[in-house]
C-alpha atoms as a PDB file:
ATOM      1  CA  MET A   1     183.670 277.575 -33.042  1.00  0.00           C
ATOM      2  CA  ASN A   2     187.402 277.863 -34.655  1.00  0.00           C
ATOM      3  CA  GLN A   3     189.795 276.470 -32.077  1.00  0.00           C
ATOM      4  CA  LEU A   4     193.177 278.028 -31.915  1.00  0.00           C
ATOM      5  CA  ARG A   5     195.597 275.198 -32.327  1.00  0.00           C
ATOM      6  CA  VAL A   6     198.340 275.576 -29.740  1.00  0.00           C
ATOM      7  CA  LEU A   7     201.829 273.963 -29.826  1.00  0.00           C
ATOM      8  CA  LEU A   8     203.785 273.849 -26.556  1.00  0.00           C
ATOM      9  CA  VAL A   9     207.392 274.289 -26.514  1.00  0.00           C
ATOM     10  CA  ASP A  10     208.993 273.625 -23.028  1.00  0.00           C
ATOM     11  CA  ASP A  11     211.605 271.567 -21.778  1.00  0.00           C
ATOM     12  CA  HIS A  12     209.630 270.513 -18.138  1.00  0.00           C
ATOM     13  CA  GLN A  13     207.248 267.696 -18.680  1.00  0.00           C
ATOM     14  CA  MET A  14     205.258 268.565 -15.342  1.00  0.00           C
ATOM     15  CA  LEU A  15     204.712 272.267 -16.414  1.00  0.00           C
ATOM     16  CA  THR A  16     203.859 271.480 -20.062  1.00  0.00           C
ATOM     17  CA  GLU A  17     201.111 268.957 -18.712  1.00  0.00           C
ATOM     18  CA  ALA A  18     200.014 271.468 -16.440  1.00  0.00           C
ATOM     19  CA  LEU A  19     199.837 274.484 -19.092  1.00  0.00           C
ATOM     20  CA  SER A  20     198.227 271.885 -21.296  1.00  0.00           C
ATOM     21  CA  ALA A  21     195.265 271.071 -18.918  1.00  0.00           C
ATOM     22  CA  THR A  22     194.988 274.720 -18.262  1.00  0.00           C
ATOM     23  CA  LEU A  23     194.555 275.885 -21.804  1.00  0.00           C
ATOM     24  CA  SER A  24     192.193 272.735 -22.743  1.00  0.00           C
ATOM     25  CA  THR A  25     189.722 274.474 -20.286  1.00  0.00           C
ATOM     26  CA  ALA A  26     189.089 277.077 -23.094  1.00  0.00           C
ATOM     27  CA  PRO A  27     186.465 275.543 -25.575  1.00  0.00           C
ATOM     28  CA  ASP A  28     188.141 277.774 -28.529  1.00  0.00           C
ATOM     29  CA  LEU A  29     191.747 276.529 -27.458  1.00  0.00           C
ATOM     30  CA  TRP A  30     193.162 272.990 -28.715  1.00  0.00           C
ATOM     31  CA  VAL A  31     196.360 272.100 -27.587  1.00  0.00           C
ATOM     32  CA  VAL A  32     197.995 270.150 -30.616  1.00  0.00           C
ATOM     33  CA  GLY A  33     200.988 268.837 -29.087  1.00  0.00           C
ATOM     34  CA  SER A  34     204.192 269.491 -27.098  1.00  0.00           C
ATOM     35  CA  ARG A  35     208.115 269.787 -27.825  1.00  0.00           C
ATOM     36  CA  THR A  36     211.287 270.634 -26.157  1.00  0.00           C
ATOM     37  CA  THR A  37     213.488 273.393 -27.475  1.00  0.00           C
ATOM     38  CA  ASP A  38     216.303 271.204 -28.231  1.00  0.00           C
ATOM     39  CA  ASP A  39     213.882 269.182 -30.244  1.00  0.00           C
ATOM     40  CA  GLN A  40     215.935 268.617 -33.536  1.00  0.00           C
ATOM     41  CA  HIS A  41     212.512 267.844 -35.547  1.00  0.00           C
ATOM     42  CA  LEU A  42     210.763 270.974 -34.178  1.00  0.00           C
ATOM     43  CA  ALA A  43     210.621 272.630 -37.317  1.00  0.00           C
ATOM     44  CA  ASP A  44     208.976 269.945 -38.867  1.00  0.00           C
ATOM     45  CA  THR A  45     206.670 269.344 -36.079  1.00  0.00           C
ATOM     46  CA  VAL A  46     205.572 272.963 -36.826  1.00  0.00           C
ATOM     47  CA  LEU A  47     204.839 272.042 -40.304  1.00  0.00           C
ATOM     48  CA  ARG A  48     202.987 268.581 -39.636  1.00  0.00           C
ATOM     49  CA  LEU A  49     200.713 270.153 -36.773  1.00  0.00           C
ATOM     50  CA  ARG A  50     200.186 273.423 -38.157  1.00  0.00           C
ATOM     51  CA  PRO A  51     199.711 275.170 -35.030  1.00  0.00           C
ATOM     52  CA  SER A  52     197.914 278.775 -35.197  1.00  0.00           C
ATOM     53  CA  VAL A  53     200.192 279.824 -32.101  1.00  0.00           C
ATOM     54  CA  ILE A  54     202.988 278.395 -30.817  1.00  0.00           C
ATOM     55  CA  VAL A  55     203.865 279.069 -26.523  1.00  0.00           C
ATOM     56  CA  ILE A  56     207.626 278.730 -25.835  1.00  0.00           C
ATOM     57  CA  GLU A  57     208.431 278.932 -21.925  1.00  0.00           C
ATOM     58  CA  ILE A  58     212.172 280.331 -21.397  1.00  0.00           C
ATOM     59  CA  GLU A  59     213.874 280.060 -18.017  1.00  0.00           C
ATOM     60  CA  GLN A  60     216.924 281.885 -18.998  1.00  0.00           C
ATOM     61  CA  TYR A  61     217.116 284.032 -22.296  1.00  0.00           C
ATOM     62  CA  GLY A  62     220.061 283.657 -24.524  1.00  0.00           C
ATOM     63  CA  LEU A  63     221.471 283.009 -28.016  1.00  0.00           C
ATOM     64  CA  ALA A  64     220.185 279.736 -28.286  1.00  0.00           C
ATOM     65  CA  ILE A  65     216.528 280.655 -27.507  1.00  0.00           C
ATOM     66  CA  ALA A  66     216.675 283.658 -29.940  1.00  0.00           C
ATOM     67  CA  ASP A  67     217.577 280.646 -32.640  1.00  0.00           C
ATOM     68  CA  VAL A  68     215.033 278.602 -31.577  1.00  0.00           C
ATOM     69  CA  LEU A  69     212.644 281.422 -32.119  1.00  0.00           C
ATOM     70  CA  CYS A  70     213.899 281.935 -35.555  1.00  0.00           C
ATOM     71  CA  THR A  71     213.622 278.300 -36.469  1.00  0.00           C
ATOM     72  CA  LEU A  72     210.037 278.337 -35.420  1.00  0.00           C
ATOM     73  CA  ARG A  73     209.279 281.560 -37.373  1.00  0.00           C
ATOM     74  CA  ASP A  74     211.346 280.274 -40.511  1.00  0.00           C
ATOM     75  CA  ALA A  75     209.270 277.043 -40.253  1.00  0.00           C
ATOM     76  CA  SER A  76     206.036 278.735 -40.150  1.00  0.00           C
ATOM     77  CA  PRO A  77     206.169 282.586 -41.055  1.00  0.00           C
ATOM     78  CA  ALA A  78     202.411 282.687 -40.472  1.00  0.00           C
ATOM     79  CA  VAL A  79     202.432 281.110 -36.980  1.00  0.00           C
ATOM     80  CA  ARG A  80     201.949 283.284 -33.673  1.00  0.00           C
ATOM     81  CA  ILE A  81     204.909 283.147 -31.133  1.00  0.00           C
ATOM     82  CA  VAL A  82     204.261 283.753 -27.602  1.00  0.00           C
ATOM     83  CA  VAL A  83     207.311 283.588 -24.776  1.00  0.00           C
ATOM     84  CA  LEU A  84     206.025 282.478 -21.335  1.00  0.00           C
ATOM     85  CA  THR A  85     208.754 283.713 -19.076  1.00  0.00           C
ATOM     86  CA  ALA A  86     210.038 284.915 -16.020  1.00  0.00           C
ATOM     87  CA  SER A  87     212.139 287.149 -16.910  1.00  0.00           C
ATOM     88  CA  HIS A  88     211.923 290.860 -16.274  1.00  0.00           C
ATOM     89  CA  ASP A  89     214.574 292.376 -18.500  1.00  0.00           C
ATOM     90  CA  HIS A  90     213.289 294.684 -20.953  1.00  0.00           C
ATOM     91  CA  LEU A  91     216.122 293.587 -23.641  1.00  0.00           C
ATOM     92  CA  HIS A  92     215.451 290.215 -23.376  1.00  0.00           C
ATOM     93  CA  ALA A  93     211.626 291.065 -24.260  1.00  0.00           C
ATOM     94  CA  VAL A  94     213.695 293.235 -27.524  1.00  0.00           C
ATOM     95  CA  GLU A  95     215.507 290.240 -28.611  1.00  0.00           C
ATOM     96  CA  ALA A  96     212.458 288.170 -28.338  1.00  0.00           C
ATOM     97  CA  ALA A  97     210.616 290.420 -30.776  1.00  0.00           C
ATOM     98  CA  ARG A  98     213.376 290.747 -33.184  1.00  0.00           C
ATOM     99  CA  ALA A  99     213.541 286.890 -33.457  1.00  0.00           C
ATOM    100  CA  GLY A 100     210.141 286.792 -34.245  1.00  0.00           C
ATOM    101  CA  ALA A 101     207.552 286.862 -31.105  1.00  0.00           C
ATOM    102  CA  ASP A 102     204.485 287.945 -31.136  1.00  0.00           C
ATOM    103  CA  GLY A 103     203.787 288.385 -27.411  1.00  0.00           C
ATOM    104  CA  TRP A 104     205.666 288.251 -23.933  1.00  0.00           C
ATOM    105  CA  VAL A 105     203.880 286.965 -20.686  1.00  0.00           C
ATOM    106  CA  HIS A 106     205.685 286.817 -17.505  1.00  0.00           C
ATOM    107  CA  LYS A 107     205.278 283.500 -15.647  1.00  0.00           C
ATOM    108  CA  SER A 108     203.281 284.978 -12.754  1.00  0.00           C
ATOM    109  CA  SER A 109     200.199 286.374 -14.840  1.00  0.00           C
ATOM    110  CA  SER A 110     196.815 284.468 -14.653  1.00  0.00           C
ATOM    111  CA  PRO A 111     195.574 281.718 -16.930  1.00  0.00           C
ATOM    112  CA  GLU A 112     193.221 283.996 -18.199  1.00  0.00           C
ATOM    113  CA  HIS A 113     195.536 286.716 -19.405  1.00  0.00           C
ATOM    114  CA  LEU A 114     197.726 284.338 -21.195  1.00  0.00           C
ATOM    115  CA  MET A 115     194.252 282.889 -22.945  1.00  0.00           C
ATOM    116  CA  GLU A 116     193.479 286.322 -23.959  1.00  0.00           C
ATOM    117  CA  VAL A 117     197.144 287.056 -25.264  1.00  0.00           C
ATOM    118  CA  LEU A 118     196.825 283.877 -27.108  1.00  0.00           C
ATOM    119  CA  ARG A 119     193.851 285.100 -29.105  1.00  0.00           C
ATOM    120  CA  GLY A 120     195.132 288.617 -29.489  1.00  0.00           C
ATOM    121  CA  VAL A 121     198.101 287.650 -31.335  1.00  0.00           C
ATOM    122  CA  CYS A 122     195.985 285.286 -33.394  1.00  0.00           C
ATOM    123  CA  ARG A 123     193.920 288.392 -34.349  1.00  0.00           C
ATOM    124  CA  GLY A 124     197.404 289.885 -35.820  1.00  0.00           C
ATOM    125  CA  GLN A 125     198.046 291.771 -32.525  1.00  0.00           C
ATOM    126  CA  ALA A 126     201.217 292.225 -30.629  1.00  0.00           C
ATOM    127  CA  SER A 127     201.299 291.955 -26.994  1.00  0.00           C
ATOM    128  CA  PHE A 128     204.127 293.033 -24.505  1.00  0.00           C
ATOM    129  CA  PRO A 129     203.716 294.064 -20.989  1.00  0.00           C
ATOM    130  CA  SER A 130     203.346 297.676 -20.419  1.00  0.00           C
ATOM    131  CA  GLU A 131     206.798 297.955 -18.370  1.00  0.00           C
ATOM    132  CA  HIS A 132     208.437 296.277 -21.651  1.00  0.00           C
ATOM    133  CA  LEU A 133     206.270 298.105 -24.424  1.00  0.00           C
ATOM    134  CA  GLY A 134     208.247 301.342 -24.337  1.00  0.00           C
ATOM    135  CA  ALA A 135     212.036 299.883 -24.980  1.00  0.00           C
ATOM    136  CA  VAL A 136     210.574 297.460 -27.521  1.00  0.00           C
ATOM    137  CA  LEU A 137     208.986 300.118 -29.773  1.00  0.00           C
ATOM    138  CA  ARG A 138     212.074 302.414 -29.365  1.00  0.00           C
ATOM    139  CA  GLU A 139     214.459 299.573 -30.263  1.00  0.00           C
ATOM    140  CA  LEU A 140     212.428 298.246 -33.095  1.00  0.00           C
ATOM    141  CA  ARG A 141     211.983 301.842 -34.289  1.00  0.00           C
ATOM    142  CA  GLU A 142     215.628 302.258 -34.416  1.00  0.00           C
ATOM    143  CA  ASP A 143     216.012 299.327 -36.138  1.00  0.00           C
ATOM    144  CA  VAL A 144     213.847 300.364 -38.991  1.00  0.00           C
ATOM    145  CA  ARG A 145     215.678 303.988 -38.763  1.00  0.00           C
ATOM    146  CA  ARG A 146     219.268 302.281 -39.554  1.00  0.00           C
ATOM    147  CA  VAL A 147     217.788 300.019 -42.524  1.00  0.00           C
ATOM    148  CA  ARG A 148     216.178 303.488 -43.971  1.00  0.00           C
ATOM    149  CA  ASP A 149     219.329 305.382 -43.067  1.00  0.00           C
ATOM    150  CA  GLY A 150     221.572 302.739 -44.491  1.00  0.00           C
ATOM    151  CA  SER A 151     223.507 302.862 -41.453  1.00  0.00           C
ATOM    152  CA  GLY A 152     223.095 299.408 -40.489  1.00  0.00           C
ATOM    153  CA  PRO A 153     224.848 295.764 -41.263  1.00  0.00           C
ATOM    154  CA  LEU A 154     222.911 295.320 -44.347  1.00  0.00           C
ATOM    155  CA  ASP A 155     224.081 298.849 -46.263  1.00  0.00           C
ATOM    156  CA  ALA A 156     226.681 296.779 -48.192  1.00  0.00           C
ATOM    157  CA  LEU A 157     223.799 294.557 -49.793  1.00  0.00           C
ATOM    158  CA  SER A 158     222.526 295.550 -53.185  1.00  0.00           C
ATOM    159  CA  ALA A 159     218.821 296.061 -53.939  1.00  0.00           C
ATOM    160  CA  ARG A 160     218.282 292.709 -55.263  1.00  0.00           C
ATOM    161  CA  GLU A 161     220.159 290.880 -52.312  1.00  0.00           C
ATOM    162  CA  ARG A 162     217.977 292.924 -50.193  1.00  0.00           C
ATOM    163  CA  GLU A 163     214.978 291.614 -51.661  1.00  0.00           C
ATOM    164  CA  VAL A 164     216.678 287.985 -51.625  1.00  0.00           C
ATOM    165  CA  LEU A 165     217.106 288.377 -47.894  1.00  0.00           C
ATOM    166  CA  GLN A 166     213.451 289.787 -47.119  1.00  0.00           C
ATOM    167  CA  ALA A 167     212.248 286.664 -49.152  1.00  0.00           C
ATOM    168  CA  MET A 168     214.182 284.349 -46.781  1.00  0.00           C
ATOM    169  CA  VAL A 169     213.113 286.518 -43.655  1.00  0.00           C
ATOM    170  CA  ASN A 170     209.331 286.044 -44.935  1.00  0.00           C
ATOM    171  CA  GLY A 171     210.111 282.094 -45.013  1.00  0.00           C
ATOM    172  CA  GLY A 172     210.636 281.539 -48.471  1.00  0.00           C
ATOM    173  CA  ARG A 173     213.025 278.793 -49.597  1.00  0.00           C
ATOM    174  CA  GLY A 174     215.076 278.916 -53.068  1.00  0.00           C
ATOM    175  CA  ASP A 175     212.328 278.032 -55.710  1.00  0.00           C
ATOM    176  CA  GLU A 176     210.024 279.917 -54.010  1.00  0.00           C
ATOM    177  CA  ILE A 177     212.018 283.250 -53.832  1.00  0.00           C
ATOM    178  CA  ALA A 178     213.379 282.239 -57.606  1.00  0.00           C
ATOM    179  CA  CYS A 179     209.614 282.291 -59.013  1.00  0.00           C
ATOM    180  CA  GLN A 180     208.661 285.439 -56.487  1.00  0.00           C
ATOM    181  CA  LEU A 181     211.342 287.547 -57.889  1.00  0.00           C
ATOM    182  CA  SER A 182     211.085 286.230 -61.668  1.00  0.00           C
ATOM    183  CA  VAL A 183     214.780 284.588 -61.796  1.00  0.00           C
ATOM    184  CA  THR A 184     216.471 281.036 -61.853  1.00  0.00           C
ATOM    185  CA  ALA A 185     217.285 278.972 -58.496  1.00  0.00           C
ATOM    186  CA  ASN A 186     220.872 279.619 -59.660  1.00  0.00           C
ATOM    187  CA  THR A 187     220.673 283.056 -59.389  1.00  0.00           C
ATOM    188  CA  VAL A 188     219.105 283.023 -55.952  1.00  0.00           C
ATOM    189  CA  ARG A 189     222.047 280.655 -54.758  1.00  0.00           C
ATOM    190  CA  THR A 190     224.317 283.104 -55.984  1.00  0.00           C
ATOM    191  CA  HIS A 191     222.721 286.202 -54.267  1.00  0.00           C
ATOM    192  CA  THR A 192     222.429 283.959 -51.237  1.00  0.00           C
ATOM    193  CA  ASN A 193     226.420 282.994 -51.452  1.00  0.00           C
ATOM    194  CA  SER A 194     227.002 286.709 -51.737  1.00  0.00           C
ATOM    195  CA  ILE A 195     224.293 287.749 -48.892  1.00  0.00           C
ATOM    196  CA  PHE A 196     226.675 285.179 -46.436  1.00  0.00           C
ATOM    197  CA  THR A 197     230.037 286.796 -47.616  1.00  0.00           C
ATOM    198  CA  LYS A 198     228.781 290.410 -46.981  1.00  0.00           C
ATOM    199  CA  LEU A 199     227.402 289.499 -43.515  1.00  0.00           C
ATOM    200  CA  ASP A 200     229.808 287.374 -42.599  1.00  0.00           C
ATOM    201  CA  VAL A 201     227.395 284.757 -41.791  1.00  0.00           C
ATOM    202  CA  HIS A 202     227.497 280.935 -42.671  1.00  0.00           C
ATOM    203  CA  SER A 203     224.021 280.088 -42.757  1.00  0.00           C
ATOM    204  CA  ARG A 204     220.292 281.009 -43.415  1.00  0.00           C
ATOM    205  CA  LEU A 205     219.178 280.995 -39.883  1.00  0.00           C
ATOM    206  CA  GLU A 206     222.372 283.722 -39.009  1.00  0.00           C
ATOM    207  CA  ALA A 207     221.729 285.920 -42.094  1.00  0.00           C
ATOM    208  CA  VAL A 208     217.789 285.850 -41.129  1.00  0.00           C
ATOM    209  CA  SER A 209     218.614 286.740 -37.483  1.00  0.00           C
ATOM    210  CA  MET A 210     221.188 289.342 -38.596  1.00  0.00           C
ATOM    211  CA  ALA A 211     218.047 290.565 -41.063  1.00  0.00           C
ATOM    212  CA  ARG A 212     215.525 291.049 -37.922  1.00  0.00           C
ATOM    213  CA  ALA A 213     218.237 292.466 -35.758  1.00  0.00           C
ATOM    214  CA  ALA A 214     218.511 295.139 -38.706  1.00  0.00           C
ATOM    215  CA  GLY A 215     214.728 295.576 -38.943  1.00  0.00           C
ATOM    216  CA  LEU A 216     213.524 293.524 -41.346  1.00  0.00           C
ATOM    217  CA  ARG A 217     209.922 292.142 -40.258  1.00  0.00           C
ATOM    218  CA  PRO A 218     208.368 288.675 -41.763  1.00  0.00           C
ATOM    219  CA  GLY A 219     205.590 289.416 -44.083  1.00  0.00           C
ATOM    220  CA  ALA A 220     206.795 292.987 -45.033  1.00  0.00           C
ATOM    221  CA  HIS A 221     207.332 293.963 -48.685  1.00  0.00           C
ATOM    222  CA  ALA A 222     208.881 297.355 -47.256  1.00  0.00           C
ATOM    223  CA  ASP A 223     210.527 298.448 -44.136  1.00  0.00           C
ATOM    224  CA  GLY A 224     208.156 298.822 -41.192  1.00  0.00           C
ATOM    225  CA  VAL A 225     207.661 297.648 -37.664  1.00  0.00           C
ATOM    226  CA  ALA A 226     203.928 296.015 -36.909  1.00  0.00           C
ATOM    227  CA  PRO A 227     201.549 297.539 -34.023  1.00  0.00           C
ATOM    228  CA  LEU A 228     201.983 296.228 -30.545  1.00  0.00           C
ATOM    229  CA  THR A 229     199.418 296.404 -27.746  1.00  0.00           C
ATOM    230  CA  GLN A 230     200.214 297.064 -24.250  1.00  0.00           C
ATOM    231  CA  GLN A 231     198.964 293.845 -22.122  1.00  0.00           C
ATOM    232  CA  ARG A 232     196.651 295.098 -19.341  1.00  0.00           C
ATOM    233  CA  ASP A 233     195.921 292.102 -16.931  1.00  0.00           C
ATOM    234  CA  PRO A 234     193.630 292.731 -13.954  1.00  0.00           C
ATOM    235  CA  ALA A 235     195.370 290.893 -11.278  1.00  0.00           C
ATOM    236  CA  PHE A 236     198.685 292.729 -11.928  1.00  0.00           C
ATOM    237  CA  GLY A 237     197.786 295.963 -12.940  1.00  0.00           C
ATOM    238  CA  THR A 238     198.728 297.197 -16.598  1.00  0.00           C
ATOM    239  CA  GLY A 239     201.478 294.788 -17.235  1.00  0.00           C
ATOM    240  CA  ALA A 240     201.880 290.923 -17.243  1.00  0.00           C
END
């Protein structure tokens, strides 16, 4: 049996231990480690442990958490990310999706439901509760429309700068982007500096966060939104 490698990101040790023990009862789930959201070596941990899916527990959603999600996605574009939260705010779910989350599970959901979401996102599905699904789809489609219509913050970028930015969203680094676009590393640096100037940002993380908010998605070669699935938890009706 192929086990799914699970990394837990939680600031409460007791909750982490309880969640680890619960997930470990499933033969197809293997908890490979745990870290806190403020761990400065979080990205390195993701690269070292190579998780299939990351479960990040969030109490109060905010900009810092969006940055953590972007950091996780940048460290491993292929990794799946599931947010475990007490929030009922659909705007939080939208921002999490924009920052790279594949799933959103309420903390009151059953352990079995969380396990099914973890398996689902690893099959390529995105999973959000029914009460948030409409808002998430609507906002992500609006993000894509703005990109296609050139009415968003990215319309100042040249075609090549958009390609570089998309490669950054996909997790590519300087040399990798240069190879992908058949240009030199210096050319990529020039485009990157121009992107920072035009978007009025000061880091790769800020640029990628803005790009995702504007509709660019990891793994994309053209504008688009990954299909979303509605969660169904027998213990909580159609929502999480």
